[in-house]
N, C-alpha and C. Protein backbone atom coordinates (compact mmCIF):
# COMPACT_ATOMS: atom_id res chain seq x y z
N MET A 1 -44.43 64.32 118.70
CA MET A 1 -43.21 63.59 118.67
C MET A 1 -42.84 63.23 117.24
N ALA A 2 -41.58 63.32 116.94
CA ALA A 2 -41.13 63.00 115.59
C ALA A 2 -40.78 61.53 115.52
N ASP A 3 -41.07 60.96 114.40
CA ASP A 3 -40.79 59.55 114.19
C ASP A 3 -39.32 59.39 113.81
N LYS A 4 -38.56 58.63 114.60
CA LYS A 4 -37.12 58.47 114.38
C LYS A 4 -36.81 57.56 113.20
N SER A 5 -37.72 56.72 112.79
CA SER A 5 -37.44 55.78 111.71
C SER A 5 -37.44 56.47 110.34
N THR A 6 -37.95 57.66 110.21
CA THR A 6 -37.97 58.33 108.91
C THR A 6 -36.60 58.87 108.53
N ASN A 7 -35.78 59.25 109.48
CA ASN A 7 -34.47 59.81 109.18
C ASN A 7 -33.39 58.96 109.84
N SER A 8 -33.29 57.69 109.41
CA SER A 8 -32.40 56.74 110.08
C SER A 8 -30.92 57.02 109.79
N SER A 9 -30.57 57.59 108.64
CA SER A 9 -29.16 57.84 108.34
C SER A 9 -28.59 58.95 109.20
N ALA A 10 -29.38 59.87 109.64
CA ALA A 10 -28.90 60.95 110.48
C ALA A 10 -28.67 60.47 111.91
N ASP A 11 -29.32 59.37 112.30
CA ASP A 11 -29.17 58.85 113.66
C ASP A 11 -27.87 58.07 113.83
N ARG A 12 -27.33 57.57 112.75
CA ARG A 12 -26.10 56.78 112.84
C ARG A 12 -24.90 57.71 112.98
N PRO A 13 -23.88 57.25 113.72
CA PRO A 13 -22.67 58.06 113.83
C PRO A 13 -21.96 58.18 112.47
N MET A 14 -21.10 59.14 112.36
CA MET A 14 -20.41 59.43 111.10
C MET A 14 -19.56 58.24 110.65
N TRP A 15 -18.84 57.61 111.57
CA TRP A 15 -17.97 56.49 111.19
C TRP A 15 -18.75 55.32 110.64
N VAL A 16 -19.99 55.12 111.08
CA VAL A 16 -20.81 54.03 110.55
C VAL A 16 -21.22 54.35 109.12
N ARG A 17 -21.57 55.60 108.86
CA ARG A 17 -21.94 55.98 107.49
C ARG A 17 -20.76 55.85 106.54
N VAL A 18 -19.57 56.20 106.98
CA VAL A 18 -18.38 56.09 106.13
C VAL A 18 -17.99 54.62 105.95
N LEU A 19 -18.05 53.85 107.02
CA LEU A 19 -17.64 52.46 106.97
C LEU A 19 -18.53 51.62 106.06
N PHE A 20 -19.81 51.90 106.08
CA PHE A 20 -20.74 51.09 105.30
C PHE A 20 -21.18 51.77 104.01
N ASN A 21 -20.38 52.65 103.51
CA ASN A 21 -20.64 53.30 102.24
C ASN A 21 -20.38 52.27 101.14
N LEU A 22 -21.35 51.99 100.31
CA LEU A 22 -21.28 50.92 99.31
C LEU A 22 -20.13 51.11 98.31
N PRO A 23 -19.94 52.25 97.69
CA PRO A 23 -18.80 52.38 96.76
C PRO A 23 -17.46 52.17 97.45
N LEU A 24 -17.34 52.65 98.69
CA LEU A 24 -16.10 52.45 99.43
C LEU A 24 -15.87 50.97 99.69
N LEU A 25 -16.90 50.25 100.05
CA LEU A 25 -16.76 48.81 100.27
C LEU A 25 -16.36 48.08 98.99
N ILE A 26 -16.89 48.51 97.87
CA ILE A 26 -16.55 47.88 96.60
C ILE A 26 -15.08 48.12 96.25
N VAL A 27 -14.61 49.35 96.43
CA VAL A 27 -13.21 49.68 96.14
C VAL A 27 -12.27 48.92 97.08
N VAL A 28 -12.58 48.90 98.36
CA VAL A 28 -11.75 48.18 99.33
C VAL A 28 -11.75 46.69 99.01
N GLY A 29 -12.90 46.15 98.64
CA GLY A 29 -12.97 44.73 98.26
C GLY A 29 -12.14 44.43 97.03
N ALA A 30 -12.17 45.31 96.04
CA ALA A 30 -11.37 45.11 94.83
C ALA A 30 -9.88 45.17 95.14
N ILE A 31 -9.48 46.09 96.01
CA ILE A 31 -8.07 46.20 96.39
C ILE A 31 -7.63 44.94 97.13
N LEU A 32 -8.43 44.49 98.08
CA LEU A 32 -8.09 43.27 98.80
C LEU A 32 -8.03 42.07 97.86
N PHE A 33 -8.95 42.01 96.92
CA PHE A 33 -8.95 40.91 95.95
C PHE A 33 -7.67 40.92 95.12
N SER A 34 -7.25 42.10 94.69
CA SER A 34 -6.04 42.16 93.85
C SER A 34 -4.78 41.89 94.66
N ILE A 35 -4.79 42.15 95.96
CA ILE A 35 -3.62 41.87 96.79
C ILE A 35 -3.51 40.39 97.12
N VAL A 36 -4.61 39.75 97.42
CA VAL A 36 -4.59 38.38 97.93
C VAL A 36 -4.80 37.34 96.84
N TRP A 37 -5.76 37.55 95.95
CA TRP A 37 -6.10 36.55 94.95
C TRP A 37 -5.81 37.07 93.56
N GLY A 38 -5.92 36.17 92.59
CA GLY A 38 -5.78 36.58 91.20
C GLY A 38 -4.38 36.32 90.66
N ASP A 39 -4.23 36.45 89.35
CA ASP A 39 -2.95 36.18 88.69
C ASP A 39 -1.92 37.26 88.97
N ASN A 40 -2.32 38.48 89.20
CA ASN A 40 -1.39 39.57 89.45
C ASN A 40 -1.37 40.00 90.91
N SER A 41 -1.64 39.06 91.81
CA SER A 41 -1.68 39.42 93.22
C SER A 41 -0.28 39.73 93.74
N TYR A 42 -0.24 40.48 94.79
CA TYR A 42 1.04 40.89 95.38
C TYR A 42 1.80 39.66 95.89
N ILE A 43 1.08 38.72 96.45
CA ILE A 43 1.71 37.51 96.97
C ILE A 43 2.37 36.72 95.84
N LYS A 44 1.69 36.59 94.72
CA LYS A 44 2.28 35.88 93.58
C LYS A 44 3.44 36.65 92.99
N ARG A 45 3.36 37.97 93.00
CA ARG A 45 4.47 38.77 92.47
C ARG A 45 5.74 38.55 93.26
N ILE A 46 5.63 38.41 94.58
CA ILE A 46 6.79 38.13 95.41
C ILE A 46 7.40 36.79 95.00
N GLY A 47 6.55 35.78 94.81
CA GLY A 47 7.03 34.48 94.37
C GLY A 47 7.66 34.54 92.99
N TYR A 48 7.07 35.34 92.09
CA TYR A 48 7.63 35.48 90.75
C TYR A 48 9.00 36.15 90.80
N ARG A 49 9.18 37.16 91.67
CA ARG A 49 10.47 37.82 91.79
C ARG A 49 11.54 36.85 92.27
N GLU A 50 11.19 36.01 93.24
CA GLU A 50 12.14 35.01 93.73
C GLU A 50 12.51 34.03 92.63
N ARG A 51 11.52 33.59 91.87
CA ARG A 51 11.78 32.65 90.79
C ARG A 51 12.63 33.28 89.69
N ILE A 52 12.36 34.55 89.38
CA ILE A 52 13.16 35.26 88.38
C ILE A 52 14.61 35.35 88.84
N GLY A 53 14.83 35.62 90.12
CA GLY A 53 16.19 35.68 90.65
C GLY A 53 16.92 34.35 90.52
N ARG A 54 16.21 33.25 90.85
CA ARG A 54 16.83 31.93 90.70
C ARG A 54 17.13 31.63 89.25
N LEU A 55 16.21 31.96 88.35
CA LEU A 55 16.42 31.68 86.93
C LEU A 55 17.54 32.52 86.35
N GLU A 56 17.67 33.77 86.79
CA GLU A 56 18.76 34.62 86.30
C GLU A 56 20.12 34.08 86.75
N SER A 57 20.20 33.57 87.98
CA SER A 57 21.47 32.98 88.42
C SER A 57 21.76 31.69 87.66
N GLU A 58 20.72 30.95 87.34
CA GLU A 58 20.90 29.73 86.54
C GLU A 58 21.37 30.08 85.13
N ILE A 59 20.83 31.14 84.55
CA ILE A 59 21.25 31.59 83.22
C ILE A 59 22.72 31.99 83.24
N LYS A 60 23.13 32.70 84.30
CA LYS A 60 24.54 33.09 84.42
C LYS A 60 25.43 31.87 84.52
N GLN A 61 25.01 30.90 85.31
CA GLN A 61 25.79 29.67 85.47
C GLN A 61 25.92 28.94 84.13
N TYR A 62 24.83 28.82 83.39
CA TYR A 62 24.89 28.14 82.09
C TYR A 62 25.69 28.95 81.08
N GLY A 63 25.65 30.27 81.17
CA GLY A 63 26.45 31.11 80.30
C GLY A 63 27.94 30.91 80.55
N ASP A 64 28.32 30.82 81.83
CA ASP A 64 29.72 30.56 82.17
C ASP A 64 30.14 29.19 81.66
N SER A 65 29.27 28.20 81.82
CA SER A 65 29.56 26.85 81.35
C SER A 65 29.69 26.82 79.83
N ALA A 66 28.82 27.53 79.14
CA ALA A 66 28.88 27.58 77.67
C ALA A 66 30.16 28.25 77.21
N ALA A 67 30.60 29.29 77.92
CA ALA A 67 31.85 29.96 77.55
C ALA A 67 33.04 29.03 77.77
N PHE A 68 33.01 28.25 78.84
CA PHE A 68 34.09 27.30 79.11
C PHE A 68 34.18 26.27 77.98
N TYR A 69 33.05 25.70 77.60
CA TYR A 69 33.06 24.67 76.55
C TYR A 69 33.36 25.27 75.18
N ALA A 70 32.99 26.49 74.94
CA ALA A 70 33.34 27.14 73.67
C ALA A 70 34.86 27.35 73.61
N ARG A 71 35.45 27.72 74.74
CA ARG A 71 36.90 27.88 74.80
C ARG A 71 37.60 26.54 74.56
N LYS A 72 37.08 25.48 75.17
CA LYS A 72 37.65 24.14 74.98
C LYS A 72 37.53 23.70 73.52
N ALA A 73 36.39 23.96 72.90
CA ALA A 73 36.20 23.59 71.50
C ALA A 73 37.15 24.37 70.61
N GLY A 74 37.38 25.64 70.93
CA GLY A 74 38.33 26.44 70.18
C GLY A 74 39.74 25.88 70.30
N GLU A 75 40.10 25.43 71.50
CA GLU A 75 41.42 24.82 71.68
C GLU A 75 41.55 23.54 70.86
N LEU A 76 40.50 22.74 70.84
CA LEU A 76 40.55 21.49 70.07
C LEU A 76 40.66 21.76 68.57
N ASN A 77 40.02 22.80 68.11
CA ASN A 77 40.04 23.11 66.68
C ASN A 77 41.34 23.76 66.24
N THR A 78 42.05 24.42 67.14
CA THR A 78 43.25 25.16 66.74
C THR A 78 44.55 24.53 67.21
N ASP A 79 44.53 23.76 68.29
CA ASP A 79 45.76 23.22 68.85
C ASP A 79 45.81 21.70 68.67
N PRO A 80 46.64 21.20 67.78
CA PRO A 80 46.70 19.75 67.55
C PRO A 80 47.24 18.99 68.76
N GLU A 81 48.07 19.61 69.59
CA GLU A 81 48.60 18.93 70.77
C GLU A 81 47.49 18.66 71.79
N THR A 82 46.58 19.60 71.95
CA THR A 82 45.45 19.41 72.86
C THR A 82 44.54 18.30 72.34
N LEU A 83 44.29 18.29 71.06
CA LEU A 83 43.47 17.25 70.46
C LEU A 83 44.11 15.88 70.66
N GLU A 84 45.42 15.78 70.47
CA GLU A 84 46.12 14.51 70.66
C GLU A 84 46.07 14.09 72.12
N LYS A 85 46.24 15.03 73.03
CA LYS A 85 46.21 14.72 74.46
C LYS A 85 44.87 14.13 74.87
N ILE A 86 43.79 14.75 74.41
CA ILE A 86 42.46 14.25 74.76
C ILE A 86 42.21 12.90 74.11
N ALA A 87 42.63 12.73 72.87
CA ALA A 87 42.45 11.44 72.19
C ALA A 87 43.19 10.34 72.92
N ARG A 88 44.38 10.62 73.42
CA ARG A 88 45.16 9.61 74.12
C ARG A 88 44.58 9.32 75.51
N GLU A 89 44.24 10.38 76.27
CA GLU A 89 43.80 10.18 77.65
C GLU A 89 42.38 9.64 77.75
N GLN A 90 41.47 10.19 77.00
CA GLN A 90 40.07 9.82 77.18
C GLN A 90 39.65 8.64 76.31
N TYR A 91 40.23 8.51 75.15
CA TYR A 91 39.78 7.48 74.23
C TYR A 91 40.79 6.36 74.04
N GLY A 92 41.93 6.43 74.70
CA GLY A 92 42.92 5.37 74.64
C GLY A 92 43.57 5.17 73.28
N MET A 93 43.60 6.18 72.47
CA MET A 93 44.20 6.07 71.13
C MET A 93 45.72 6.14 71.24
N LYS A 94 46.37 5.54 70.25
CA LYS A 94 47.83 5.53 70.23
C LYS A 94 48.31 5.61 68.78
N ARG A 95 49.57 5.91 68.65
CA ARG A 95 50.16 5.93 67.32
C ARG A 95 50.47 4.49 66.91
N ASP A 96 50.74 4.31 65.62
CA ASP A 96 50.98 2.96 65.11
C ASP A 96 52.22 2.31 65.71
N ASN A 97 53.24 3.07 65.98
CA ASN A 97 54.50 2.50 66.46
C ASN A 97 54.63 2.54 67.99
N GLU A 98 53.54 2.73 68.72
CA GLU A 98 53.59 2.84 70.17
C GLU A 98 52.89 1.65 70.82
N GLU A 99 53.29 1.40 72.05
CA GLU A 99 52.58 0.45 72.91
C GLU A 99 52.10 1.23 74.13
N VAL A 100 50.87 0.98 74.56
CA VAL A 100 50.29 1.69 75.69
C VAL A 100 50.02 0.69 76.80
N PHE A 101 50.47 1.02 77.99
CA PHE A 101 50.23 0.20 79.18
C PHE A 101 49.29 0.97 80.10
N VAL A 102 48.14 0.42 80.40
CA VAL A 102 47.14 1.07 81.25
C VAL A 102 47.26 0.49 82.64
N THR A 103 47.39 1.35 83.65
CA THR A 103 47.45 0.91 85.04
C THR A 103 46.34 1.57 85.83
N ASP A 104 46.02 0.97 86.96
CA ASP A 104 44.98 1.51 87.82
C ASP A 104 45.58 2.25 89.02
N ILE A 105 46.83 2.55 88.99
CA ILE A 105 47.50 3.22 90.10
C ILE A 105 47.13 4.70 90.07
N LYS A 106 46.73 5.18 91.25
CA LYS A 106 46.33 6.59 91.32
C LYS A 106 47.05 7.28 92.42
């Protein structure tokens, strides 16, 4: 009778030998580690993409706002009527020969 314990790898089915192959387990473990954990994980990349999208829309919003205020500053620097209008409305300034009456009627 032949001793079965001497050739134990031949007794196992093929799928068991493939499944428990040490290099394969190491590669699969490294792939799972990179997908789930770590700084460059797939899960974190999804979150980073969402954050980048929010930040890009915020940049566009601030760019539009900056363009609006640059246009307003240009108007103030070039148009004396606009400058006078803002000085009168927002700061309550008046000319020397004028009287200003402020009311709360809206």
